[in-house]
Amino acid sequence: MQFEQTVEVEGEEGVMLHVDVSGSQNNTAISLFFIHGMGSCGATWHNQVSQFSPYFQTICPDLRGHGMN
């Protein structure tokens, strides 16, 4: 699964956070926000993203200390 867009968001204390965004990005699309558990990363949700991204905007961040952060 390839994410459509990867962005870096500045978090608290200037920490940059890695976020993968896929799916519909029009102003009326509902966004689904997937949060991973301890010791995992946003890529954990790739199966769900592939199913939901045709209908919704999906947002999968890597939490601090996980994944690409």
PDB file of N, CA and C in Angstrom:
ATOM      1  N   MET A   1       0.851  -1.188   0.000  1.00  0.00           N
ATOM      2  CA  MET A   1       0.000   0.000   0.000  1.00  0.00           C
ATOM      3  C   MET A   1       0.882   1.232   0.000  1.00  0.00           C
ATOM      4  N   GLN A   2       0.672   2.090  -0.941  1.00  0.00           N
ATOM      5  CA  GLN A   2       1.421   3.340  -1.040  1.00  0.00           C
ATOM      6  C   GLN A   2       0.514   4.484  -0.602  1.00  0.00           C
ATOM      7  N   PHE A   3       0.960   5.279   0.335  1.00  0.00           N
ATOM      8  CA  PHE A   3       0.176   6.431   0.750  1.00  0.00           C
ATOM      9  C   PHE A   3       0.277   7.518  -0.312  1.00  0.00           C
ATOM     10  N   GLU A   4      -0.784   8.291  -0.472  1.00  0.00           N
ATOM     11  CA  GLU A   4      -0.816   9.327  -1.491  1.00  0.00           C
ATOM     12  C   GLU A   4       0.036  10.530  -1.134  1.00  0.00           C
ATOM     13  N   GLN A   5       0.093  10.833   0.148  1.00  0.00           N
ATOM     14  CA  GLN A   5       0.820  12.030   0.565  1.00  0.00           C
ATOM     15  C   GLN A   5       1.425  11.794   1.944  1.00  0.00           C
ATOM     16  N   THR A   6       2.665  12.202   2.102  1.00  0.00           N
ATOM     17  CA  THR A   6       3.317  12.162   3.402  1.00  0.00           C
ATOM     18  C   THR A   6       3.661  13.590   3.780  1.00  0.00           C
ATOM     19  N   VAL A   7       3.248  14.000   4.973  1.00  0.00           N
ATOM     20  CA  VAL A   7       3.517  15.364   5.432  1.00  0.00           C
ATOM     21  C   VAL A   7       4.237  15.314   6.770  1.00  0.00           C
ATOM     22  N   GLU A   8       4.971  16.351   7.036  1.00  0.00           N
ATOM     23  CA  GLU A   8       5.615  16.530   8.336  1.00  0.00           C
ATOM     24  C   GLU A   8       4.906  17.685   9.026  1.00  0.00           C
ATOM     25  N   VAL A   9       4.405  17.453  10.220  1.00  0.00           N
ATOM     26  CA  VAL A   9       3.661  18.448  10.984  1.00  0.00           C
ATOM     27  C   VAL A   9       4.480  18.825  12.210  1.00  0.00           C
ATOM     28  N   GLU A  10       4.595  20.109  12.473  1.00  0.00           N
ATOM     29  CA  GLU A  10       5.337  20.535  13.655  1.00  0.00           C
ATOM     30  C   GLU A  10       4.457  20.398  14.888  1.00  0.00           C
ATOM     31  N   GLY A  11       4.936  19.594  15.813  1.00  0.00           N
ATOM     32  CA  GLY A  11       4.197  19.356  17.042  1.00  0.00           C
ATOM     33  C   GLY A  11       4.730  20.203  18.178  1.00  0.00           C
ATOM     34  N   GLU A  12       4.386  19.795  19.377  1.00  0.00           N
ATOM     35  CA  GLU A  12       4.796  20.493  20.589  1.00  0.00           C
ATOM     36  C   GLU A  12       6.317  20.566  20.679  1.00  0.00           C
ATOM     37  N   GLU A  13       6.810  21.682  21.118  1.00  0.00           N
ATOM     38  CA  GLU A  13       8.244  21.924  21.313  1.00  0.00           C
ATOM     39  C   GLU A  13       9.042  21.783  20.012  1.00  0.00           C
ATOM     40  N   GLY A  14       8.400  22.032  18.864  1.00  0.00           N
ATOM     41  CA  GLY A  14       9.083  21.993  17.575  1.00  0.00           C
ATOM     42  C   GLY A  14       9.380  20.609  17.038  1.00  0.00           C
ATOM     43  N   VAL A  15       8.840  19.564  17.663  1.00  0.00           N
ATOM     44  CA  VAL A  15       9.064  18.198  17.210  1.00  0.00           C
ATOM     45  C   VAL A  15       8.274  17.971  15.920  1.00  0.00           C
ATOM     46  N   MET A  16       8.952  17.444  14.893  1.00  0.00           N
ATOM     47  CA  MET A  16       8.292  17.165  13.621  1.00  0.00           C
ATOM     48  C   MET A  16       7.658  15.778  13.678  1.00  0.00           C
ATOM     49  N   LEU A  17       6.394  15.684  13.278  1.00  0.00           N
ATOM     50  CA  LEU A  17       5.651  14.426  13.299  1.00  0.00           C
ATOM     51  C   LEU A  17       5.347  13.982  11.875  1.00  0.00           C
ATOM     52  N   HIS A  18       5.571  12.713  11.583  1.00  0.00           N
ATOM     53  CA  HIS A  18       5.327  12.117  10.268  1.00  0.00           C
ATOM     54  C   HIS A  18       3.859  11.697  10.180  1.00  0.00           C
ATOM     55  N   VAL A  19       3.166  12.103   9.096  1.00  0.00           N
ATOM     56  CA  VAL A  19       1.750  11.780   8.922  1.00  0.00           C
ATOM     57  C   VAL A  19       1.524  11.325   7.478  1.00  0.00           C
ATOM     58  N   ASP A  20       0.854  10.172   7.295  1.00  0.00           N
ATOM     59  CA  ASP A  20       0.475   9.699   5.963  1.00  0.00           C
ATOM     60  C   ASP A  20      -0.996  10.013   5.738  1.00  0.00           C
ATOM     61  N   VAL A  21      -1.297  10.587   4.558  1.00  0.00           N
ATOM     62  CA  VAL A  21      -2.660  10.974   4.211  1.00  0.00           C
ATOM     63  C   VAL A  21      -3.020  10.327   2.883  1.00  0.00           C
ATOM     64  N   SER A  22      -4.214   9.739   2.793  1.00  0.00           N
ATOM     65  CA  SER A  22      -4.694   9.115   1.562  1.00  0.00           C
ATOM     66  C   SER A  22      -6.175   9.385   1.397  1.00  0.00           C
ATOM     67  N   GLY A  23      -6.664   9.109   0.192  1.00  0.00           N
ATOM     68  CA  GLY A  23      -8.088   9.149  -0.076  1.00  0.00           C
ATOM     69  C   GLY A  23      -8.603  10.496  -0.506  1.00  0.00           C
ATOM     70  N   SER A  24      -9.931  10.618  -0.453  1.00  0.00           N
ATOM     71  CA  SER A  24     -10.630  11.815  -0.909  1.00  0.00           C
ATOM     72  C   SER A  24     -10.217  13.022  -0.086  1.00  0.00           C
ATOM     73  N   GLN A  25      -9.882  14.113  -0.770  1.00  0.00           N
ATOM     74  CA  GLN A  25      -9.454  15.321  -0.070  1.00  0.00           C
ATOM     75  C   GLN A  25     -10.339  16.516  -0.413  1.00  0.00           C
ATOM     76  N   ASN A  26     -11.595  16.234  -0.821  1.00  0.00           N
ATOM     77  CA  ASN A  26     -12.488  17.361  -1.064  1.00  0.00           C
ATOM     78  C   ASN A  26     -13.024  17.884   0.264  1.00  0.00           C
ATOM     79  N   ASN A  27     -13.595  19.054   0.244  1.00  0.00           N
ATOM     80  CA  ASN A  27     -14.009  19.727   1.485  1.00  0.00           C
ATOM     81  C   ASN A  27     -15.150  19.027   2.213  1.00  0.00           C
ATOM     82  N   THR A  28     -15.882  18.160   1.522  1.00  0.00           N
ATOM     83  CA  THR A  28     -17.017  17.493   2.171  1.00  0.00           C
ATOM     84  C   THR A  28     -16.692  16.068   2.611  1.00  0.00           C
ATOM     85  N   ALA A  29     -15.474  15.581   2.310  1.00  0.00           N
ATOM     86  CA  ALA A  29     -15.109  14.211   2.673  1.00  0.00           C
ATOM     87  C   ALA A  29     -14.932  14.086   4.187  1.00  0.00           C
ATOM     88  N   ILE A  30     -15.413  12.990   4.702  1.00  0.00           N
ATOM     89  CA  ILE A  30     -15.205  12.673   6.118  1.00  0.00           C
ATOM     90  C   ILE A  30     -13.786  12.139   6.273  1.00  0.00           C
ATOM     91  N   SER A  31     -13.104  12.566   7.317  1.00  0.00           N
ATOM     92  CA  SER A  31     -11.740  12.102   7.590  1.00  0.00           C
ATOM     93  C   SER A  31     -11.767  11.017   8.656  1.00  0.00           C
ATOM     94  N   LEU A  32     -11.028   9.952   8.407  1.00  0.00           N
ATOM     95  CA  LEU A  32     -10.841   8.890   9.395  1.00  0.00           C
ATOM     96  C   LEU A  32      -9.418   8.990   9.916  1.00  0.00           C
ATOM     97  N   PHE A  33      -9.280   9.070  11.220  1.00  0.00           N
ATOM     98  CA  PHE A  33      -7.998   9.283  11.873  1.00  0.00           C
ATOM     99  C   PHE A  33      -7.618   7.979  12.566  1.00  0.00           C
ATOM    100  N   PHE A  34      -6.574   7.315  12.089  1.00  0.00           N
ATOM    101  CA  PHE A  34      -6.137   6.027  12.633  1.00  0.00           C
ATOM    102  C   PHE A  34      -4.949   6.238  13.569  1.00  0.00           C
ATOM    103  N   ILE A  35      -5.078   5.796  14.811  1.00  0.00           N
ATOM    104  CA  ILE A  35      -4.020   5.922  15.815  1.00  0.00           C
ATOM    105  C   ILE A  35      -3.501   4.525  16.163  1.00  0.00           C
ATOM    106  N   HIS A  36      -2.189   4.327  16.038  1.00  0.00           N
ATOM    107  CA  HIS A  36      -1.591   3.027  16.337  1.00  0.00           C
ATOM    108  C   HIS A  36      -1.322   2.887  17.831  1.00  0.00           C
ATOM    109  N   GLY A  37      -1.013   1.658  18.238  1.00  0.00           N
ATOM    110  CA  GLY A  37      -0.700   1.369  19.632  1.00  0.00           C
ATOM    111  C   GLY A  37       0.792   1.444  19.922  1.00  0.00           C
ATOM    112  N   MET A  38       1.143   1.152  21.148  1.00  0.00           N
ATOM    113  CA  MET A  38       2.526   1.206  21.613  1.00  0.00           C
ATOM    114  C   MET A  38       3.410   0.246  20.823  1.00  0.00           C
ATOM    115  N   GLY A  39       4.563   0.739  20.355  1.00  0.00           N
ATOM    116  CA  GLY A  39       5.516  -0.086  19.640  1.00  0.00           C
ATOM    117  C   GLY A  39       5.174  -0.315  18.177  1.00  0.00           C
ATOM    118  N   SER A  40       4.193   0.398  17.659  1.00  0.00           N
ATOM    119  CA  SER A  40       3.760   0.235  16.280  1.00  0.00           C
ATOM    120  C   SER A  40       3.980   1.535  15.518  1.00  0.00           C
ATOM    121  N   CYS A  41       3.383   1.679  14.328  1.00  0.00           N
ATOM    122  CA  CYS A  41       3.488   2.913  13.549  1.00  0.00           C
ATOM    123  C   CYS A  41       2.248   3.065  12.675  1.00  0.00           C
ATOM    124  N   GLY A  42       2.140   4.200  11.999  1.00  0.00           N
ATOM    125  CA  GLY A  42       0.975   4.480  11.168  1.00  0.00           C
ATOM    126  C   GLY A  42       0.771   3.476  10.045  1.00  0.00           C
ATOM    127  N   ALA A  43       1.852   2.846   9.570  1.00  0.00           N
ATOM    128  CA  ALA A  43       1.744   1.851   8.496  1.00  0.00           C
ATOM    129  C   ALA A  43       0.952   0.618   8.921  1.00  0.00           C
ATOM    130  N   THR A  44       0.730   0.455  10.229  1.00  0.00           N
ATOM    131  CA  THR A  44      -0.066  -0.654  10.751  1.00  0.00           C
ATOM    132  C   THR A  44      -1.434  -0.704  10.084  1.00  0.00           C
ATOM    133  N   TRP A  45      -1.932   0.456   9.690  1.00  0.00           N
ATOM    134  CA  TRP A  45      -3.294   0.582   9.179  1.00  0.00           C
ATOM    135  C   TRP A  45      -3.406   0.426   7.668  1.00  0.00           C
ATOM    136  N   HIS A  46      -2.360  -0.065   6.961  1.00  0.00           N
ATOM    137  CA  HIS A  46      -2.389  -0.070   5.499  1.00  0.00           C
ATOM    138  C   HIS A  46      -3.557  -0.864   4.922  1.00  0.00           C
ATOM    139  N   ASN A  47      -3.962  -1.969   5.541  1.00  0.00           N
ATOM    140  CA  ASN A  47      -5.114  -2.732   5.030  1.00  0.00           C
ATOM    141  C   ASN A  47      -6.414  -1.948   5.155  1.00  0.00           C
ATOM    142  N   GLN A  48      -6.596  -1.268   6.276  1.00  0.00           N
ATOM    143  CA  GLN A  48      -7.802  -0.470   6.467  1.00  0.00           C
ATOM    144  C   GLN A  48      -7.812   0.735   5.520  1.00  0.00           C
ATOM    145  N   VAL A  49      -6.651   1.369   5.354  1.00  0.00           N
ATOM    146  CA  VAL A  49      -6.563   2.532   4.470  1.00  0.00           C
ATOM    147  C   VAL A  49      -6.943   2.148   3.047  1.00  0.00           C
ATOM    148  N   SER A  50      -6.479   1.005   2.567  1.00  0.00           N
ATOM    149  CA  SER A  50      -6.801   0.595   1.196  1.00  0.00           C
ATOM    150  C   SER A  50      -8.299   0.374   1.010  1.00  0.00           C
ATOM    151  N   GLN A  51      -8.996  -0.018   2.060  1.00  0.00           N
ATOM    152  CA  GLN A  51     -10.442  -0.229   1.973  1.00  0.00           C
ATOM    153  C   GLN A  51     -11.238   1.070   2.104  1.00  0.00           C
ATOM    154  N   PHE A  52     -10.787   1.973   2.966  1.00  0.00           N
ATOM    155  CA  PHE A  52     -11.549   3.190   3.240  1.00  0.00           C
ATOM    156  C   PHE A  52     -11.189   4.382   2.357  1.00  0.00           C
ATOM    157  N   SER A  53      -9.966   4.420   1.822  1.00  0.00           N
ATOM    158  CA  SER A  53      -9.529   5.617   1.099  1.00  0.00           C
ATOM    159  C   SER A  53     -10.333   5.952  -0.163  1.00  0.00           C
ATOM    160  N   PRO A  54     -11.006   5.006  -0.829  1.00  0.00           N
ATOM    161  CA  PRO A  54     -11.845   5.428  -1.957  1.00  0.00           C
ATOM    162  C   PRO A  54     -13.048   6.282  -1.531  1.00  0.00           C
ATOM    163  N   TYR A  55     -13.434   6.207  -0.263  1.00  0.00           N
ATOM    164  CA  TYR A  55     -14.642   6.885   0.211  1.00  0.00           C
ATOM    165  C   TYR A  55     -14.369   7.999   1.216  1.00  0.00           C
ATOM    166  N   PHE A  56     -13.243   7.920   1.901  1.00  0.00           N
ATOM    167  CA  PHE A  56     -12.923   8.859   2.972  1.00  0.00           C
ATOM    168  C   PHE A  56     -11.478   9.335   2.843  1.00  0.00           C
ATOM    169  N   GLN A  57     -11.165  10.431   3.498  1.00  0.00           N
ATOM    170  CA  GLN A  57      -9.771  10.832   3.661  1.00  0.00           C
ATOM    171  C   GLN A  57      -9.255  10.081   4.882  1.00  0.00           C
ATOM    172  N   THR A  58      -8.109   9.422   4.754  1.00  0.00           N
ATOM    173  CA  THR A  58      -7.536   8.696   5.882  1.00  0.00           C
ATOM    174  C   THR A  58      -6.253   9.379   6.335  1.00  0.00           C
ATOM    175  N   ILE A  59      -6.081   9.481   7.644  1.00  0.00           N
ATOM    176  CA  ILE A  59      -4.929  10.152   8.239  1.00  0.00           C
ATOM    177  C   ILE A  59      -4.299   9.186   9.237  1.00  0.00           C
ATOM    178  N   CYS A  60      -3.008   8.870   9.016  1.00  0.00           N
ATOM    179  CA  CYS A  60      -2.296   7.905   9.853  1.00  0.00           C
ATOM    180  C   CYS A  60      -0.995   8.520  10.354  1.00  0.00           C
ATOM    181  N   PRO A  61      -0.994   9.089  11.542  1.00  0.00           N
ATOM    182  CA  PRO A  61       0.246   9.671  12.068  1.00  0.00           C
ATOM    183  C   PRO A  61       1.122   8.616  12.741  1.00  0.00           C
ATOM    184  N   ASP A  62       2.412   8.894  12.775  1.00  0.00           N
ATOM    185  CA  ASP A  62       3.325   8.144  13.630  1.00  0.00           C
ATOM    186  C   ASP A  62       3.442   8.953  14.917  1.00  0.00           C
ATOM    187  N   LEU A  63       3.089   8.356  16.036  1.00  0.00           N
ATOM    188  CA  LEU A  63       3.167   9.068  17.319  1.00  0.00           C
ATOM    189  C   LEU A  63       4.623   9.257  17.718  1.00  0.00           C
ATOM    190  N   ARG A  64       4.866  10.186  18.627  1.00  0.00           N
ATOM    191  CA  ARG A  64       6.236  10.484  19.054  1.00  0.00           C
ATOM    192  C   ARG A  64       6.978   9.232  19.514  1.00  0.00           C
ATOM    193  N   GLY A  65       8.183   9.053  18.977  1.00  0.00           N
ATOM    194  CA  GLY A  65       9.006   7.916  19.342  1.00  0.00           C
ATOM    195  C   GLY A  65       8.681   6.643  18.586  1.00  0.00           C
ATOM    196  N   HIS A  66       7.812   6.706  17.603  1.00  0.00           N
ATOM    197  CA  HIS A  66       7.407   5.520  16.842  1.00  0.00           C
ATOM    198  C   HIS A  66       7.540   5.800  15.342  1.00  0.00           C
ATOM    199  N   GLY A  67       7.689   4.736  14.560  1.00  0.00           N
ATOM    200  CA  GLY A  67       7.720   4.865  13.105  1.00  0.00           C
ATOM    201  C   GLY A  67       8.823   5.792  12.630  1.00  0.00           C
ATOM    202  N   MET A  68       8.468   6.789  11.824  1.00  0.00           N
ATOM    203  CA  MET A  68       9.450   7.692  11.243  1.00  0.00           C
ATOM    204  C   MET A  68       9.681   8.955  12.073  1.00  0.00           C
ATOM    205  N   ASN A  69       9.216   8.953  13.317  1.00  0.00           N
ATOM    206  CA  ASN A  69       9.456  10.108  14.203  1.00  0.00           C
ATOM    207  C   ASN A  69      10.649   9.875  15.086  1.00  0.00           C
TER     208      ASN A  69
END
